């Protein structure tokens, strides 16, 4: 997977919740670099404390780009502890990201849109989602029939919608809650 597509995948969540951010009381404060750096520092402190409590080794990297803070927890050696923070299908990672966002909100009184990644899970998953989109488009081309994909999170659906659109096809989200999924079609 190219660097460009992984950056696209990691920033895909930015579009996902822009509308909800616009409606918050703090939306008028903007996303200045200093505010995002403060957000990253608060998040890193929170995550460092969590890693210490859980006795898990990991380095925390903070990056600010595209008006968003990206936090990565990585380790040079295989760590079952970090893998447990990802969980099955990224469920623990999603929950940890929300807890980190709440920690930032509590400390700064600003709603955070930070993205948390652990051991490159999101980057790897984005590549897998790209392949799912390509396979669905190939199936639609071959059969002419719409293809329903497995349920996925809003973040993952955004990545697939973008990939399908880049391939010149149409995708729509259907269903509710945990059963929300994408249907790919030619029109």
N, C-alpha and C. Protein backbone atom coordinates (compact mmCIF):
# COMPACT_ATOMS: atom_id res chain seq x y z
N UNK A 1 0.85 -1.17 0.00
CA UNK A 1 0.00 0.00 0.00
C UNK A 1 0.89 1.23 0.00
N UNK A 2 0.52 2.21 -0.77
CA UNK A 2 1.35 3.40 -0.90
C UNK A 2 1.21 4.29 0.33
N UNK A 3 2.21 5.14 0.54
CA UNK A 3 2.17 6.09 1.65
C UNK A 3 0.98 7.01 1.49
N UNK A 4 0.71 7.43 0.24
CA UNK A 4 -0.40 8.34 -0.01
C UNK A 4 -1.73 7.71 0.39
N UNK A 5 -1.94 6.43 0.05
CA UNK A 5 -3.21 5.81 0.41
C UNK A 5 -3.32 5.55 1.89
N UNK A 6 -2.18 5.28 2.59
CA UNK A 6 -2.28 5.10 4.03
C UNK A 6 -2.55 6.41 4.73
N UNK A 7 -1.95 7.51 4.23
CA UNK A 7 -2.26 8.80 4.83
C UNK A 7 -3.72 9.14 4.57
N UNK A 8 -4.22 8.81 3.38
CA UNK A 8 -5.62 9.05 3.05
C UNK A 8 -6.52 8.25 4.00
N UNK A 9 -6.15 7.01 4.26
CA UNK A 9 -6.95 6.17 5.13
C UNK A 9 -6.96 6.70 6.56
N UNK A 10 -5.80 7.10 7.05
CA UNK A 10 -5.74 7.59 8.41
C UNK A 10 -6.46 8.93 8.57
N UNK A 11 -6.52 9.71 7.49
CA UNK A 11 -7.21 10.99 7.60
C UNK A 11 -8.68 10.88 7.20
N UNK A 12 -9.11 9.69 6.80
CA UNK A 12 -10.49 9.51 6.36
C UNK A 12 -11.48 9.86 7.46
N UNK A 13 -11.10 9.58 8.71
CA UNK A 13 -12.01 9.86 9.79
C UNK A 13 -12.28 11.34 9.93
N UNK A 14 -11.41 12.19 9.41
CA UNK A 14 -11.60 13.64 9.51
C UNK A 14 -12.92 14.05 8.89
N UNK A 15 -13.24 13.52 7.74
CA UNK A 15 -14.48 13.87 7.06
C UNK A 15 -15.68 13.30 7.79
N UNK A 16 -15.48 12.16 8.43
CA UNK A 16 -16.56 11.43 9.06
C UNK A 16 -17.30 12.24 10.11
N UNK A 17 -16.56 13.02 10.90
CA UNK A 17 -17.26 13.71 11.96
C UNK A 17 -17.13 15.23 11.90
N UNK A 18 -16.84 15.79 10.74
CA UNK A 18 -16.75 17.24 10.62
C UNK A 18 -18.07 17.90 10.94
N UNK A 19 -19.18 17.31 10.50
CA UNK A 19 -20.48 17.91 10.76
C UNK A 19 -20.77 17.98 12.25
N UNK A 20 -20.42 16.92 13.00
CA UNK A 20 -20.70 16.93 14.42
C UNK A 20 -19.80 17.94 15.14
N UNK A 21 -18.59 18.14 14.65
CA UNK A 21 -17.70 19.12 15.26
C UNK A 21 -18.24 20.53 15.08
N UNK A 22 -18.79 20.80 13.90
CA UNK A 22 -19.31 22.14 13.63
C UNK A 22 -20.42 22.52 14.60
N UNK A 23 -21.10 21.53 15.14
CA UNK A 23 -22.21 21.83 16.04
C UNK A 23 -21.81 21.98 17.49
N UNK A 24 -20.55 21.77 17.84
CA UNK A 24 -20.18 21.87 19.24
C UNK A 24 -19.97 23.31 19.65
N UNK A 25 -20.06 23.55 20.94
CA UNK A 25 -19.91 24.90 21.46
C UNK A 25 -18.52 25.46 21.23
N UNK A 26 -17.52 24.59 21.13
CA UNK A 26 -16.15 25.05 20.98
C UNK A 26 -15.69 25.07 19.54
N UNK A 27 -16.56 24.81 18.60
CA UNK A 27 -16.16 24.74 17.19
C UNK A 27 -15.58 26.07 16.71
N UNK A 28 -16.02 27.17 17.25
CA UNK A 28 -15.55 28.47 16.81
C UNK A 28 -14.12 28.77 17.22
N UNK A 29 -13.53 27.96 18.08
CA UNK A 29 -12.18 28.22 18.55
C UNK A 29 -11.12 27.84 17.53
N UNK A 30 -11.50 27.13 16.46
CA UNK A 30 -10.53 26.76 15.43
C UNK A 30 -9.66 25.60 15.86
N UNK A 31 -8.75 25.21 14.97
CA UNK A 31 -7.85 24.11 15.29
C UNK A 31 -6.42 24.58 15.14
N UNK A 32 -6.04 25.56 15.91
CA UNK A 32 -4.69 26.09 15.84
C UNK A 32 -3.68 25.00 16.20
N UNK A 33 -2.48 25.15 15.65
CA UNK A 33 -1.44 24.16 15.91
C UNK A 33 -1.15 24.04 17.40
N UNK A 34 -1.15 25.15 18.13
CA UNK A 34 -0.85 25.08 19.56
C UNK A 34 -1.93 24.31 20.32
N UNK A 35 -3.19 24.48 19.92
CA UNK A 35 -4.26 23.73 20.57
C UNK A 35 -4.12 22.24 20.27
N UNK A 36 -3.79 21.91 19.03
CA UNK A 36 -3.62 20.50 18.67
C UNK A 36 -2.41 19.89 19.36
N UNK A 37 -1.35 20.68 19.52
CA UNK A 37 -0.18 20.18 20.26
C UNK A 37 -0.52 19.94 21.72
N UNK A 38 -1.30 20.85 22.30
CA UNK A 38 -1.75 20.68 23.69
C UNK A 38 -2.60 19.41 23.79
N UNK A 39 -3.48 19.22 22.83
CA UNK A 39 -4.32 18.03 22.79
C UNK A 39 -3.45 16.77 22.75
N UNK A 40 -2.42 16.79 21.91
CA UNK A 40 -1.51 15.65 21.82
C UNK A 40 -0.78 15.39 23.12
N UNK A 41 -0.34 16.45 23.79
CA UNK A 41 0.37 16.29 25.06
C UNK A 41 -0.54 15.70 26.13
N UNK A 42 -1.78 16.19 26.22
CA UNK A 42 -2.73 15.67 27.20
C UNK A 42 -3.02 14.19 26.91
N UNK A 43 -3.25 13.88 25.64
CA UNK A 43 -3.54 12.50 25.25
C UNK A 43 -2.35 11.59 25.56
N UNK A 44 -1.15 12.06 25.25
CA UNK A 44 0.05 11.26 25.50
C UNK A 44 0.22 11.00 27.00
N UNK A 45 -0.02 12.01 27.83
CA UNK A 45 0.08 11.83 29.28
C UNK A 45 -0.93 10.78 29.76
N UNK A 46 -2.15 10.88 29.27
CA UNK A 46 -3.20 9.92 29.63
C UNK A 46 -2.79 8.50 29.23
N UNK A 47 -2.34 8.35 28.00
CA UNK A 47 -1.97 7.03 27.49
C UNK A 47 -0.74 6.49 28.19
N UNK A 48 0.22 7.36 28.50
CA UNK A 48 1.43 6.93 29.23
C UNK A 48 1.04 6.37 30.59
N UNK A 49 0.13 7.05 31.26
CA UNK A 49 -0.32 6.57 32.57
C UNK A 49 -1.03 5.23 32.44
N UNK A 50 -1.84 5.09 31.41
CA UNK A 50 -2.53 3.82 31.18
C UNK A 50 -1.53 2.69 30.92
N UNK A 51 -0.52 2.96 30.09
CA UNK A 51 0.50 1.95 29.81
C UNK A 51 1.26 1.57 31.08
N UNK A 52 1.56 2.56 31.92
CA UNK A 52 2.25 2.28 33.18
C UNK A 52 1.39 1.40 34.10
N UNK A 53 0.12 1.73 34.22
CA UNK A 53 -0.78 0.95 35.08
C UNK A 53 -0.89 -0.48 34.58
N UNK A 54 -0.98 -0.64 33.26
CA UNK A 54 -1.12 -1.98 32.67
C UNK A 54 0.23 -2.69 32.53
N UNK A 55 1.32 -2.00 32.86
CA UNK A 55 2.68 -2.55 32.73
C UNK A 55 2.95 -3.04 31.31
N UNK A 56 2.65 -2.16 30.35
CA UNK A 56 2.86 -2.45 28.93
C UNK A 56 3.89 -1.46 28.40
N UNK A 57 4.88 -2.00 27.68
CA UNK A 57 5.90 -1.15 27.08
C UNK A 57 5.42 -0.62 25.74
N UNK A 58 5.71 0.63 25.48
CA UNK A 58 5.37 1.23 24.19
C UNK A 58 5.82 2.67 24.15
N UNK A 59 6.18 3.12 22.95
CA UNK A 59 6.56 4.50 22.75
C UNK A 59 5.38 5.24 22.14
N UNK A 60 5.19 6.48 22.57
CA UNK A 60 4.07 7.28 22.09
C UNK A 60 4.61 8.36 21.16
N UNK A 61 4.11 8.38 19.94
CA UNK A 61 4.47 9.39 18.94
C UNK A 61 3.27 10.29 18.71
N UNK A 62 3.51 11.59 18.64
CA UNK A 62 2.46 12.57 18.39
C UNK A 62 2.77 13.28 17.07
N UNK A 63 1.76 13.40 16.23
CA UNK A 63 1.93 14.12 14.97
C UNK A 63 0.67 14.95 14.74
N UNK A 64 0.86 16.18 14.32
CA UNK A 64 -0.25 17.06 13.97
C UNK A 64 -0.20 17.28 12.47
N UNK A 65 -1.28 16.91 11.77
CA UNK A 65 -1.37 17.14 10.34
C UNK A 65 -2.84 17.21 9.94
N UNK A 66 -3.09 17.97 8.89
CA UNK A 66 -4.44 18.12 8.34
C UNK A 66 -5.45 18.53 9.40
N UNK A 67 -5.04 19.37 10.35
CA UNK A 67 -5.96 19.86 11.36
C UNK A 67 -6.41 18.82 12.36
N UNK A 68 -5.58 17.81 12.57
CA UNK A 68 -5.94 16.72 13.47
C UNK A 68 -4.69 16.20 14.16
N UNK A 69 -4.86 15.71 15.38
CA UNK A 69 -3.76 15.11 16.13
C UNK A 69 -3.79 13.60 15.93
N UNK A 70 -2.64 13.04 15.58
CA UNK A 70 -2.49 11.59 15.42
C UNK A 70 -1.53 11.09 16.48
N UNK A 71 -1.99 10.12 17.25
CA UNK A 71 -1.19 9.52 18.32
C UNK A 71 -0.94 8.07 17.94
N UNK A 72 0.31 7.65 18.00
CA UNK A 72 0.65 6.26 17.72
C UNK A 72 1.39 5.68 18.91
N UNK A 73 1.00 4.49 19.28
CA UNK A 73 1.73 3.74 20.30
C UNK A 73 2.40 2.59 19.57
N UNK A 74 3.72 2.54 19.67
CA UNK A 74 4.49 1.53 18.95
C UNK A 74 5.52 0.91 19.87
N UNK A 75 5.99 -0.25 19.45
CA UNK A 75 7.09 -0.91 20.14
C UNK A 75 7.94 -1.60 19.10
N UNK A 76 9.22 -1.68 19.37
CA UNK A 76 10.13 -2.32 18.43
C UNK A 76 10.05 -3.84 18.51
N UNK A 77 9.65 -4.35 19.64
CA UNK A 77 9.55 -5.79 19.81
C UNK A 77 8.09 -6.20 19.88
N UNK A 78 7.82 -7.45 19.58
CA UNK A 78 6.44 -7.95 19.66
C UNK A 78 5.95 -7.82 21.09
N UNK A 79 4.77 -7.25 21.24
CA UNK A 79 4.21 -7.05 22.58
C UNK A 79 2.76 -7.49 22.60
N UNK A 80 2.51 -8.56 23.34
CA UNK A 80 1.13 -9.04 23.48
C UNK A 80 0.28 -7.99 24.18
N UNK A 81 0.92 -7.19 25.04
CA UNK A 81 0.20 -6.14 25.75
C UNK A 81 -0.39 -5.12 24.81
N UNK A 82 0.41 -4.69 23.82
CA UNK A 82 -0.11 -3.72 22.86
C UNK A 82 -1.20 -4.35 22.01
N UNK A 83 -1.02 -5.59 21.63
CA UNK A 83 -2.05 -6.27 20.83
C UNK A 83 -3.37 -6.35 21.59
N UNK A 84 -3.31 -6.52 22.90
CA UNK A 84 -4.54 -6.56 23.69
C UNK A 84 -5.23 -5.20 23.70
N UNK A 85 -4.46 -4.12 23.49
CA UNK A 85 -5.06 -2.79 23.44
C UNK A 85 -5.73 -2.52 22.09
N UNK A 86 -5.46 -3.37 21.11
CA UNK A 86 -6.16 -3.27 19.82
C UNK A 86 -7.46 -4.06 19.91
N UNK A 87 -7.38 -5.27 20.44
CA UNK A 87 -8.56 -6.12 20.60
C UNK A 87 -9.02 -6.72 19.29
N UNK A 88 -10.08 -7.50 19.38
CA UNK A 88 -10.65 -8.16 18.20
C UNK A 88 -11.29 -7.11 17.31
N UNK A 89 -10.92 -7.08 16.07
CA UNK A 89 -11.46 -6.15 15.07
C UNK A 89 -11.32 -4.68 15.49
N UNK A 90 -10.31 -4.40 16.32
CA UNK A 90 -10.05 -3.01 16.72
C UNK A 90 -11.02 -2.44 17.73
N UNK A 91 -11.82 -3.30 18.35
CA UNK A 91 -12.85 -2.81 19.28
C UNK A 91 -12.24 -2.11 20.49
N UNK A 92 -11.18 -2.67 21.05
CA UNK A 92 -10.55 -2.05 22.22
C UNK A 92 -9.87 -0.75 21.81
N UNK A 93 -9.25 -0.74 20.65
CA UNK A 93 -8.62 0.48 20.12
C UNK A 93 -9.65 1.60 19.99
N UNK A 94 -10.82 1.30 19.43
CA UNK A 94 -11.87 2.32 19.29
C UNK A 94 -12.30 2.85 20.66
N UNK A 95 -12.47 1.95 21.62
CA UNK A 95 -12.88 2.37 22.97
C UNK A 95 -11.78 3.22 23.63
N UNK A 96 -10.53 2.80 23.46
CA UNK A 96 -9.42 3.55 24.03
C UNK A 96 -9.30 4.93 23.38
N UNK A 97 -9.55 5.01 22.09
CA UNK A 97 -9.54 6.30 21.41
C UNK A 97 -10.60 7.22 22.00
N UNK A 98 -11.80 6.69 22.24
CA UNK A 98 -12.87 7.52 22.82
C UNK A 98 -12.54 7.96 24.24
N UNK A 99 -11.94 7.06 25.04
CA UNK A 99 -11.54 7.43 26.40
C UNK A 99 -10.46 8.51 26.37
N UNK A 100 -9.54 8.40 25.42
CA UNK A 100 -8.48 9.41 25.28
C UNK A 100 -9.10 10.74 24.87
N UNK A 101 -10.06 10.72 23.97
CA UNK A 101 -10.75 11.95 23.57
C UNK A 101 -11.47 12.58 24.77
N UNK A 102 -12.08 11.76 25.61
CA UNK A 102 -12.75 12.27 26.81
C UNK A 102 -11.75 12.88 27.78
N UNK A 103 -10.58 12.28 27.90
CA UNK A 103 -9.54 12.83 28.75
C UNK A 103 -9.11 14.21 28.27
N UNK A 104 -8.96 14.35 26.95
CA UNK A 104 -8.60 15.65 26.37
C UNK A 104 -9.72 16.66 26.61
N UNK A 105 -10.96 16.25 26.42
CA UNK A 105 -12.10 17.14 26.66
C UNK A 105 -12.12 17.62 28.11
N UNK A 106 -11.88 16.70 29.03
CA UNK A 106 -11.88 17.04 30.44
C UNK A 106 -10.78 18.04 30.79
N UNK A 107 -9.60 17.87 30.19
CA UNK A 107 -8.46 18.73 30.51
C UNK A 107 -8.49 20.06 29.77
N UNK A 108 -9.02 20.09 28.56
CA UNK A 108 -8.92 21.31 27.73
C UNK A 108 -10.25 21.99 27.47
N UNK A 109 -11.35 21.31 27.77
CA UNK A 109 -12.70 21.78 27.47
C UNK A 109 -12.92 21.95 25.96
N UNK A 110 -12.12 21.26 25.16
CA UNK A 110 -12.27 21.24 23.71
C UNK A 110 -12.53 19.81 23.26
N UNK A 111 -13.51 19.65 22.40
CA UNK A 111 -13.79 18.33 21.85
C UNK A 111 -12.65 17.94 20.93
N UNK A 112 -12.16 16.73 21.09
CA UNK A 112 -11.01 16.26 20.32
C UNK A 112 -11.45 15.33 19.20
N UNK A 113 -10.73 15.41 18.07
CA UNK A 113 -10.95 14.49 16.97
C UNK A 113 -9.68 13.67 16.72
N UNK A 114 -8.88 13.50 17.77
CA UNK A 114 -7.63 12.80 17.61
C UNK A 114 -7.85 11.37 17.11
N UNK A 115 -6.84 10.86 16.42
CA UNK A 115 -6.87 9.49 15.92
C UNK A 115 -5.76 8.73 16.63
N UNK A 116 -6.13 7.61 17.22
CA UNK A 116 -5.18 6.76 17.93
C UNK A 116 -4.91 5.52 17.11
N UNK A 117 -3.64 5.18 16.98
CA UNK A 117 -3.25 3.94 16.30
C UNK A 117 -2.29 3.19 17.22
N UNK A 118 -2.39 1.89 17.20
CA UNK A 118 -1.51 1.06 18.00
C UNK A 118 -0.86 0.03 17.09
N UNK A 119 0.48 0.06 17.09
CA UNK A 119 1.29 -0.87 16.29
C UNK A 119 0.87 -0.93 14.83
N UNK A 120 0.42 0.19 14.28
CA UNK A 120 0.09 0.25 12.86
C UNK A 120 -1.20 -0.47 12.48
N UNK A 121 -2.06 -0.76 13.44
CA UNK A 121 -3.30 -1.48 13.15
C UNK A 121 -4.16 -0.74 12.13
N UNK A 122 -4.35 0.57 12.31
CA UNK A 122 -5.22 1.32 11.40
C UNK A 122 -4.66 1.33 9.98
N UNK A 123 -3.37 1.49 9.85
CA UNK A 123 -2.73 1.49 8.53
C UNK A 123 -2.93 0.13 7.85
N UNK A 124 -2.70 -0.94 8.59
CA UNK A 124 -2.88 -2.29 8.05
C UNK A 124 -4.35 -2.54 7.69
N UNK A 125 -5.24 -2.12 8.55
CA UNK A 125 -6.68 -2.30 8.31
C UNK A 125 -7.13 -1.51 7.08
N UNK A 126 -6.59 -0.32 6.88
CA UNK A 126 -6.94 0.49 5.71
C UNK A 126 -6.57 -0.25 4.42
N UNK A 127 -5.44 -0.92 4.42
CA UNK A 127 -5.04 -1.72 3.26
C UNK A 127 -6.02 -2.85 3.00
N UNK A 128 -6.44 -3.49 4.08
CA UNK A 128 -7.42 -4.58 3.97
C UNK A 128 -8.76 -4.06 3.45
N UNK A 129 -9.18 -2.90 3.93
CA UNK A 129 -10.45 -2.31 3.48
C UNK A 129 -10.38 -1.91 2.01
N UNK A 130 -9.22 -1.43 1.57
CA UNK A 130 -9.03 -1.10 0.16
C UNK A 130 -9.23 -2.35 -0.69
N UNK A 131 -8.68 -3.46 -0.24
CA UNK A 131 -8.82 -4.74 -0.97
C UNK A 131 -10.28 -5.19 -0.99
N UNK A 132 -11.00 -5.03 0.12
CA UNK A 132 -12.42 -5.38 0.17
C UNK A 132 -13.19 -4.55 -0.85
N UNK A 133 -12.90 -3.25 -0.92
CA UNK A 133 -13.57 -2.36 -1.88
C UNK A 133 -13.27 -2.80 -3.31
N UNK A 134 -12.01 -3.10 -3.61
CA UNK A 134 -11.62 -3.53 -4.95
C UNK A 134 -12.31 -4.84 -5.34
N UNK A 135 -12.39 -5.79 -4.39
CA UNK A 135 -13.05 -7.07 -4.66
C UNK A 135 -14.54 -6.87 -4.91
N UNK A 136 -15.17 -5.99 -4.14
CA UNK A 136 -16.59 -5.72 -4.31
C UNK A 136 -16.86 -5.10 -5.68
N UNK A 137 -16.02 -4.15 -6.08
CA UNK A 137 -16.17 -3.51 -7.39
C UNK A 137 -15.98 -4.55 -8.50
N UNK A 138 -15.00 -5.43 -8.37
CA UNK A 138 -14.76 -6.48 -9.36
C UNK A 138 -15.98 -7.39 -9.47
N UNK A 139 -16.59 -7.72 -8.35
CA UNK A 139 -17.78 -8.56 -8.36
C UNK A 139 -18.95 -7.87 -9.05
N UNK A 140 -19.13 -6.57 -8.77
CA UNK A 140 -20.20 -5.82 -9.41
C UNK A 140 -19.97 -5.75 -10.91
N UNK A 141 -18.73 -5.54 -11.33
CA UNK A 141 -18.40 -5.52 -12.76
C UNK A 141 -18.73 -6.85 -13.43
N UNK A 142 -18.40 -7.94 -12.73
CA UNK A 142 -18.58 -9.28 -13.28
C UNK A 142 -20.05 -9.69 -13.35
N UNK A 143 -20.80 -9.45 -12.29
CA UNK A 143 -22.17 -9.94 -12.20
C UNK A 143 -23.23 -8.89 -12.50
N UNK A 144 -22.87 -7.61 -12.33
CA UNK A 144 -23.85 -6.55 -12.49
C UNK A 144 -24.76 -6.41 -11.29
N UNK A 145 -24.58 -7.24 -10.30
CA UNK A 145 -25.41 -7.23 -9.08
C UNK A 145 -24.72 -6.45 -7.97
N UNK A 146 -25.52 -5.77 -7.14
CA UNK A 146 -24.98 -5.05 -5.98
C UNK A 146 -24.38 -6.05 -5.00
N UNK A 147 -23.36 -5.59 -4.27
CA UNK A 147 -22.67 -6.42 -3.28
C UNK A 147 -22.80 -5.77 -1.91
N UNK A 148 -23.30 -6.53 -0.94
CA UNK A 148 -23.39 -6.05 0.44
C UNK A 148 -22.14 -6.52 1.20
N UNK A 149 -21.50 -5.60 1.89
CA UNK A 149 -20.30 -5.91 2.64
C UNK A 149 -20.63 -6.17 4.11
N UNK A 150 -19.66 -6.68 4.83
CA UNK A 150 -19.83 -6.95 6.26
C UNK A 150 -20.04 -5.63 7.02
N UNK A 151 -20.72 -5.67 8.15
CA UNK A 151 -20.87 -4.45 8.97
C UNK A 151 -19.50 -3.94 9.41
N UNK A 152 -19.36 -2.62 9.50
CA UNK A 152 -18.10 -2.03 9.95
C UNK A 152 -18.37 -0.69 10.60
N UNK A 153 -17.35 -0.17 11.26
CA UNK A 153 -17.48 1.11 11.96
C UNK A 153 -17.59 2.26 10.96
N UNK A 154 -18.00 3.42 11.44
CA UNK A 154 -18.13 4.60 10.58
C UNK A 154 -16.78 4.96 9.95
N UNK A 155 -15.72 4.86 10.73
CA UNK A 155 -14.38 5.15 10.23
C UNK A 155 -14.04 4.22 9.06
N UNK A 156 -14.30 2.93 9.23
CA UNK A 156 -14.00 1.97 8.17
C UNK A 156 -14.91 2.15 6.96
N UNK A 157 -16.19 2.46 7.20
CA UNK A 157 -17.09 2.71 6.07
C UNK A 157 -16.61 3.89 5.24
N UNK A 158 -16.11 4.92 5.88
CA UNK A 158 -15.60 6.10 5.17
C UNK A 158 -14.45 5.71 4.24
N UNK A 159 -13.56 4.88 4.72
CA UNK A 159 -12.43 4.42 3.90
C UNK A 159 -12.94 3.66 2.69
N UNK A 160 -13.92 2.77 2.90
CA UNK A 160 -14.46 1.97 1.79
C UNK A 160 -15.23 2.86 0.81
N UNK A 161 -16.06 3.77 1.32
CA UNK A 161 -16.78 4.69 0.42
C UNK A 161 -15.80 5.44 -0.48
N UNK A 162 -14.74 5.95 0.10
CA UNK A 162 -13.74 6.69 -0.69
C UNK A 162 -13.08 5.80 -1.73
N UNK A 163 -12.74 4.58 -1.36
CA UNK A 163 -12.08 3.65 -2.29
C UNK A 163 -13.01 3.28 -3.43
N UNK A 164 -14.28 3.02 -3.13
CA UNK A 164 -15.26 2.67 -4.16
C UNK A 164 -15.45 3.85 -5.11
N UNK A 165 -15.57 5.05 -4.57
CA UNK A 165 -15.74 6.25 -5.40
C UNK A 165 -14.53 6.46 -6.31
N UNK A 166 -13.33 6.22 -5.77
CA UNK A 166 -12.11 6.35 -6.58
C UNK A 166 -12.10 5.36 -7.74
N UNK A 167 -12.79 4.24 -7.58
CA UNK A 167 -12.86 3.22 -8.63
C UNK A 167 -14.03 3.47 -9.58
N UNK A 168 -14.78 4.56 -9.36
CA UNK A 168 -15.86 4.95 -10.26
C UNK A 168 -17.18 4.25 -10.03
N UNK A 169 -17.36 3.69 -8.85
CA UNK A 169 -18.61 3.01 -8.53
C UNK A 169 -19.33 3.73 -7.40
N UNK A 170 -20.50 3.23 -7.04
CA UNK A 170 -21.34 3.87 -6.04
C UNK A 170 -21.44 2.96 -4.81
N UNK A 171 -21.45 3.59 -3.63
CA UNK A 171 -21.64 2.83 -2.39
C UNK A 171 -22.58 3.60 -1.48
N UNK A 172 -23.39 2.85 -0.74
CA UNK A 172 -24.31 3.45 0.22
C UNK A 172 -24.26 2.66 1.51
N UNK A 173 -24.40 3.35 2.62
CA UNK A 173 -24.49 2.67 3.91
C UNK A 173 -25.95 2.32 4.17
N UNK A 174 -26.16 1.11 4.65
CA UNK A 174 -27.51 0.66 4.99
C UNK A 174 -27.48 -0.01 6.35
N UNK A 175 -28.64 -0.08 6.98
CA UNK A 175 -28.75 -0.74 8.27
C UNK A 175 -28.58 0.24 9.41
N UNK A 176 -28.66 -0.30 10.61
CA UNK A 176 -28.60 0.52 11.83
C UNK A 176 -27.60 -0.07 12.81
N UNK A 177 -27.04 0.77 13.63
CA UNK A 177 -26.17 0.35 14.72
C UNK A 177 -25.03 -0.55 14.28
N UNK A 178 -24.85 -1.65 15.03
CA UNK A 178 -23.76 -2.58 14.76
C UNK A 178 -23.93 -3.31 13.43
N UNK A 179 -25.13 -3.29 12.86
CA UNK A 179 -25.38 -3.96 11.59
C UNK A 179 -25.22 -3.04 10.38
N UNK A 180 -24.78 -1.81 10.60
CA UNK A 180 -24.64 -0.86 9.48
C UNK A 180 -23.52 -1.35 8.57
N UNK A 181 -23.83 -1.40 7.28
CA UNK A 181 -22.90 -1.94 6.30
C UNK A 181 -23.00 -1.17 4.99
N UNK A 182 -22.12 -1.49 4.06
CA UNK A 182 -22.07 -0.81 2.76
C UNK A 182 -22.59 -1.74 1.69
N UNK A 183 -23.33 -1.15 0.75
CA UNK A 183 -23.76 -1.86 -0.45
C UNK A 183 -23.10 -1.15 -1.64
N UNK A 184 -22.35 -1.92 -2.43
CA UNK A 184 -21.64 -1.38 -3.58
C UNK A 184 -22.42 -1.74 -4.84
N UNK A 185 -22.59 -0.75 -5.73
CA UNK A 185 -23.31 -0.98 -6.98
C UNK A 185 -22.69 -0.15 -8.10
N UNK A 186 -23.13 -0.44 -9.33
CA UNK A 186 -22.61 0.29 -10.48
C UNK A 186 -23.26 1.66 -10.61
N UNK A 187 -24.47 1.83 -10.06
CA UNK A 187 -25.17 3.12 -10.19
C UNK A 187 -25.78 3.57 -8.90
